[in-house]
N, C-alpha and C. Protein backbone atom coordinates (compact mmCIF):
# COMPACT_ATOMS: atom_id res chain seq x y z
N MET A 1 171.65 -88.88 -27.80
CA MET A 1 171.79 -90.55 -28.27
C MET A 1 170.69 -89.76 -29.68
N GLN A 2 171.49 -89.97 -30.56
CA GLN A 2 170.64 -89.40 -31.92
C GLN A 2 170.17 -90.50 -32.69
N THR A 3 168.68 -90.65 -32.87
CA THR A 3 168.40 -91.73 -33.94
C THR A 3 168.59 -90.90 -35.41
N ASP A 4 168.81 -91.51 -36.22
CA ASP A 4 168.50 -91.11 -38.00
C ASP A 4 167.25 -91.80 -38.01
N PHE A 5 166.60 -90.89 -38.81
CA PHE A 5 164.85 -91.33 -38.95
C PHE A 5 165.03 -90.69 -40.87
N THR A 6 164.85 -92.14 -41.69
CA THR A 6 164.71 -92.28 -43.03
C THR A 6 163.90 -92.65 -43.88
N ILE A 7 163.40 -92.53 -44.83
CA ILE A 7 162.23 -93.34 -45.27
C ILE A 7 162.56 -93.40 -46.57
N SER A 8 162.38 -94.85 -46.96
CA SER A 8 162.91 -94.41 -48.35
C SER A 8 161.69 -94.96 -49.16
N PHE A 9 161.95 -94.55 -50.70
CA PHE A 9 161.07 -94.28 -51.60
C PHE A 9 159.47 -95.59 -51.70
N GLY A 10 159.96 -96.62 -51.36
CA GLY A 10 158.94 -97.92 -51.30
C GLY A 10 158.05 -97.08 -49.89
N GLN A 11 158.65 -96.74 -48.90
CA GLN A 11 157.94 -96.62 -47.75
C GLN A 11 157.14 -95.12 -48.22
N LEU A 12 157.38 -94.46 -48.80
CA LEU A 12 156.73 -93.16 -49.18
C LEU A 12 155.49 -93.68 -49.81
N VAL A 13 155.61 -94.52 -51.45
CA VAL A 13 154.82 -94.95 -51.96
C VAL A 13 153.64 -95.30 -51.07
N THR A 14 153.81 -96.44 -50.03
CA THR A 14 153.12 -96.89 -49.19
C THR A 14 152.14 -95.98 -48.47
N ILE A 15 152.85 -95.20 -47.64
CA ILE A 15 152.22 -94.25 -47.17
C ILE A 15 151.06 -93.31 -48.00
N ALA A 16 151.73 -93.06 -48.80
CA ALA A 16 150.73 -92.61 -50.27
C ALA A 16 149.58 -92.64 -50.59
N GLY A 17 149.55 -94.41 -50.47
CA GLY A 17 148.73 -95.22 -51.15
C GLY A 17 147.74 -95.33 -50.09
N GLY A 18 148.27 -95.32 -49.12
CA GLY A 18 147.43 -95.53 -47.92
C GLY A 18 146.42 -94.51 -47.80
N LEU A 19 147.23 -93.27 -47.57
CA LEU A 19 146.39 -92.14 -47.74
C LEU A 19 145.41 -91.99 -48.51
N ALA A 20 145.48 -92.36 -49.89
CA ALA A 20 144.59 -92.34 -50.97
C ALA A 20 143.52 -92.96 -50.70
N ALA A 21 143.57 -94.29 -49.79
CA ALA A 21 142.68 -95.81 -49.65
C ALA A 21 141.91 -94.88 -48.47
N ILE A 22 142.21 -94.37 -47.84
CA ILE A 22 141.33 -93.52 -46.64
C ILE A 22 140.72 -92.14 -47.06
N ALA A 23 141.28 -91.84 -48.35
CA ALA A 23 139.96 -90.86 -48.63
C ALA A 23 138.80 -91.35 -49.48
N VAL A 24 139.66 -92.30 -50.06
CA VAL A 24 138.46 -93.07 -50.89
C VAL A 24 137.49 -93.70 -50.12
N VAL A 25 137.64 -94.19 -48.88
CA VAL A 25 136.74 -94.82 -48.21
C VAL A 25 135.64 -93.58 -47.43
N ILE A 26 136.28 -92.79 -47.13
CA ILE A 26 135.90 -91.20 -46.57
C ILE A 26 134.90 -90.98 -47.63
N ARG A 27 135.37 -90.59 -48.82
CA ARG A 27 134.00 -90.07 -50.06
C ARG A 27 133.17 -91.51 -49.92
N TRP A 28 133.20 -92.43 -50.17
CA TRP A 28 132.22 -93.61 -50.10
C TRP A 28 131.53 -93.68 -48.88
N VAL A 29 131.49 -93.13 -47.68
CA VAL A 29 130.81 -92.90 -46.43
C VAL A 29 129.89 -91.58 -46.50
N VAL A 30 130.55 -90.47 -47.24
CA VAL A 30 130.03 -89.34 -47.23
C VAL A 30 129.17 -89.15 -48.61
N LYS A 31 129.20 -89.71 -49.47
CA LYS A 31 128.08 -89.70 -50.93
C LYS A 31 126.63 -90.10 -50.34
N PRO A 32 126.78 -90.84 -49.80
CA PRO A 32 125.36 -90.75 -49.52
C PRO A 32 124.48 -89.84 -48.72
N PHE A 33 124.99 -89.63 -48.27
CA PHE A 33 124.76 -88.06 -46.91
C PHE A 33 124.27 -87.02 -47.96
N LYS A 34 125.46 -86.95 -49.08
CA LYS A 34 125.10 -85.45 -49.95
C LYS A 34 124.01 -86.12 -50.48
N LYS A 35 123.37 -87.21 -51.50
CA LYS A 35 122.36 -87.47 -52.18
C LYS A 35 121.32 -87.26 -51.34
N ILE A 36 121.18 -87.84 -50.07
CA ILE A 36 119.99 -87.62 -49.27
C ILE A 36 119.57 -86.00 -49.26
N ASP A 37 120.43 -85.08 -48.89
CA ASP A 37 120.19 -83.83 -49.18
C ASP A 37 119.81 -83.08 -50.25
N ASP A 38 120.14 -83.99 -51.15
CA ASP A 38 120.36 -82.96 -52.32
C ASP A 38 118.73 -84.07 -52.60
N HIS A 39 118.34 -84.60 -52.35
CA HIS A 39 116.70 -85.12 -52.20
C HIS A 39 116.05 -84.60 -51.42
N GLU A 40 116.50 -84.56 -50.28
CA GLU A 40 115.45 -83.51 -49.43
C GLU A 40 115.23 -81.91 -50.28
N ARG A 41 116.32 -81.19 -50.87
CA ARG A 41 116.06 -79.87 -51.85
C ARG A 41 115.08 -79.87 -52.60
N ARG A 42 115.43 -81.06 -53.44
CA ARG A 42 114.15 -81.22 -54.61
C ARG A 42 113.02 -81.64 -54.22
N ILE A 43 112.98 -82.13 -53.12
CA ILE A 43 111.36 -83.10 -52.78
C ILE A 43 110.66 -81.42 -52.24
N GLY A 44 111.34 -80.53 -51.49
CA GLY A 44 111.02 -79.26 -51.07
C GLY A 44 110.57 -78.03 -52.37
N LEU A 45 111.49 -78.21 -53.24
CA LEU A 45 111.32 -77.68 -54.61
C LEU A 45 109.91 -78.56 -54.79
N LEU A 46 109.78 -79.36 -55.29
CA LEU A 46 108.34 -80.18 -55.95
C LEU A 46 107.11 -79.93 -54.97
N GLU A 47 107.54 -80.12 -54.11
CA GLU A 47 106.22 -79.77 -53.05
C GLU A 47 105.29 -78.14 -53.16
N GLY A 48 106.59 -77.28 -53.13
CA GLY A 48 106.01 -76.04 -53.66
C GLY A 48 105.51 -75.82 -54.96
N SER A 49 105.90 -76.59 -55.57
CA SER A 49 105.45 -76.29 -57.24
C SER A 49 103.99 -76.74 -57.06
N HIS A 50 103.98 -77.91 -56.44
CA HIS A 50 102.46 -78.78 -56.02
C HIS A 50 101.82 -77.85 -56.16
N ALA A 51 102.09 -77.15 -54.76
CA ALA A 51 101.27 -76.11 -54.12
C ALA A 51 100.74 -75.20 -55.25
N GLU A 52 101.51 -74.82 -56.08
CA GLU A 52 101.25 -73.83 -56.70
C GLU A 52 100.41 -74.46 -57.52
N GLN A 53 100.29 -75.25 -58.20
CA GLN A 53 99.89 -75.89 -59.12
C GLN A 53 98.53 -76.05 -58.82
N LYS A 54 98.35 -76.30 -57.36
CA LYS A 54 96.78 -76.86 -56.88
C LYS A 54 95.95 -75.48 -57.15
N GLU A 55 96.70 -74.32 -56.73
CA GLU A 55 96.14 -73.24 -56.55
C GLU A 55 96.09 -72.55 -57.85
N ILE A 56 96.76 -72.99 -59.33
CA ILE A 56 96.37 -72.89 -60.34
C ILE A 56 95.09 -73.21 -60.64
N ASP A 57 94.97 -74.79 -60.25
CA ASP A 57 94.19 -75.81 -60.80
C ASP A 57 92.54 -75.11 -60.16
N THR A 58 92.38 -74.62 -59.03
CA THR A 58 91.50 -74.12 -58.05
C THR A 58 90.93 -72.91 -58.75
N TYR A 59 91.76 -72.05 -59.45
CA TYR A 59 91.23 -71.05 -60.33
C TYR A 59 90.68 -71.31 -61.91
N ILE A 60 91.30 -72.57 -62.08
CA ILE A 60 90.38 -73.26 -63.61
C ILE A 60 89.30 -73.37 -63.08
N THR A 61 89.41 -74.28 -62.35
CA THR A 61 88.04 -74.71 -61.60
C THR A 61 86.69 -73.51 -61.51
N LYS A 62 87.41 -72.97 -60.92
CA LYS A 62 86.24 -71.84 -60.89
C LYS A 62 85.62 -71.04 -62.13
N ALA A 63 86.70 -70.79 -63.25
CA ALA A 63 86.16 -70.45 -64.23
C ALA A 63 85.48 -71.17 -65.11
N LEU A 64 85.59 -72.59 -65.18
CA LEU A 64 85.21 -73.47 -65.68
C LEU A 64 83.71 -73.54 -65.01
N ASN A 65 83.52 -73.37 -64.08
CA ASN A 65 82.41 -73.27 -63.32
C ASN A 65 81.52 -72.24 -63.71
N ALA A 66 82.07 -70.89 -63.84
CA ALA A 66 81.24 -69.69 -64.47
C ALA A 66 81.01 -69.94 -65.68
N ILE A 67 81.60 -70.26 -66.41
CA ILE A 67 81.27 -70.62 -67.61
C ILE A 67 80.32 -71.37 -68.39
N VAL A 68 80.36 -72.35 -67.11
CA VAL A 68 79.20 -73.64 -67.47
C VAL A 68 77.74 -72.69 -67.02
N ASN A 69 78.02 -72.66 -65.82
CA ASN A 69 76.15 -71.80 -65.55
C ASN A 69 76.48 -70.51 -66.51
N HIS A 70 76.64 -69.47 -67.01
CA HIS A 70 76.46 -68.93 -67.83
C HIS A 70 75.79 -69.19 -69.08
N MET A 71 76.64 -70.79 -69.39
CA MET A 71 75.92 -71.16 -70.51
C MET A 71 74.58 -71.76 -70.23
N ILE A 72 74.25 -72.23 -69.28
CA ILE A 72 72.64 -72.95 -68.97
C ILE A 72 72.02 -72.15 -69.05
N ASP A 73 71.86 -70.80 -68.14
CA ASP A 73 71.04 -69.72 -67.84
C ASP A 73 71.19 -68.52 -68.38
N GLY A 74 72.50 -68.25 -69.08
CA GLY A 74 72.51 -67.19 -69.98
C GLY A 74 73.18 -65.91 -69.06
N ASN A 75 72.72 -65.81 -67.85
CA ASN A 75 73.24 -64.99 -66.48
C ASN A 75 74.23 -65.30 -66.15
N GLY A 76 75.10 -64.50 -65.27
CA GLY A 76 75.97 -64.56 -64.58
C GLY A 76 77.46 -64.24 -64.66
N ILE A 77 77.06 -62.80 -65.98
CA ILE A 77 77.95 -61.89 -66.23
C ILE A 77 79.05 -61.54 -65.13
N ASP A 78 78.23 -61.41 -63.85
CA ASP A 78 78.97 -60.41 -62.91
C ASP A 78 80.14 -61.40 -62.26
N LYS A 79 79.31 -63.22 -62.16
CA LYS A 79 80.43 -63.81 -61.53
C LYS A 79 81.56 -64.18 -62.97
N LEU A 80 81.35 -64.33 -63.90
CA LEU A 80 82.53 -64.52 -64.63
C LEU A 80 83.11 -63.11 -64.70
N ARG A 81 83.27 -61.91 -64.73
CA ARG A 81 83.83 -60.96 -64.26
C ARG A 81 84.78 -60.99 -63.43
N GLU A 82 83.88 -61.66 -61.93
CA GLU A 82 84.71 -61.92 -60.75
C GLU A 82 85.86 -62.80 -61.21
N VAL A 83 85.40 -63.72 -61.79
CA VAL A 83 86.68 -64.78 -62.16
C VAL A 83 87.59 -64.49 -63.17
N ARG A 84 87.28 -63.37 -63.59
CA ARG A 84 88.11 -63.27 -64.80
C ARG A 84 88.94 -62.18 -64.15
N ASP A 85 88.84 -61.36 -63.19
CA ASP A 85 89.62 -60.88 -62.38
C ASP A 85 90.67 -61.08 -61.23
N GLU A 86 89.73 -62.41 -60.69
CA GLU A 86 90.63 -63.24 -59.85
C GLU A 86 91.78 -64.03 -60.93
N PHE A 87 91.74 -64.29 -61.95
CA PHE A 87 92.36 -64.81 -63.14
C PHE A 87 93.61 -64.08 -63.79
N GLN A 88 93.34 -62.85 -63.54
CA GLN A 88 93.90 -61.80 -64.46
C GLN A 88 95.35 -61.41 -62.99
N ASP A 89 94.74 -61.06 -61.95
CA ASP A 89 95.34 -60.95 -60.53
C ASP A 89 96.03 -62.01 -59.77
N LYS A 90 96.15 -63.64 -60.19
CA LYS A 90 96.46 -64.48 -59.54
C LYS A 90 97.47 -65.09 -60.95
N ILE A 91 97.16 -65.52 -61.70
CA ILE A 91 97.55 -66.38 -62.88
C ILE A 91 98.45 -65.40 -64.05
N ILE A 92 97.68 -64.85 -64.41
CA ILE A 92 98.10 -64.48 -65.77
C ILE A 92 99.59 -63.20 -65.21
N SER A 93 99.60 -62.73 -64.11
CA SER A 93 100.22 -61.38 -63.96
C SER A 93 101.86 -62.33 -63.30
N LYS A 94 101.74 -63.41 -63.07
CA LYS A 94 102.81 -64.21 -62.62
C LYS A 94 103.82 -64.63 -63.69
């Protein structure tokens, strides 16, 4: 017993349209998860740069403190040299 299996053009278009609709729905479902992954990556980068900026701010604060102390008492040249060396090693060489 043999059965003929034929598909008309209209049926073929209907099947293709259904597959396209399924693909669109899958993209809608997957897209928010891609955004979450991208946001997590960006947050990680921002946290890294925040830590680096905090380190730079610490060195700048040390330098300003050494300058103010030097201006007040006229001494503290050794401390100024020490802070300058830290500055050169950590910030300027980057």
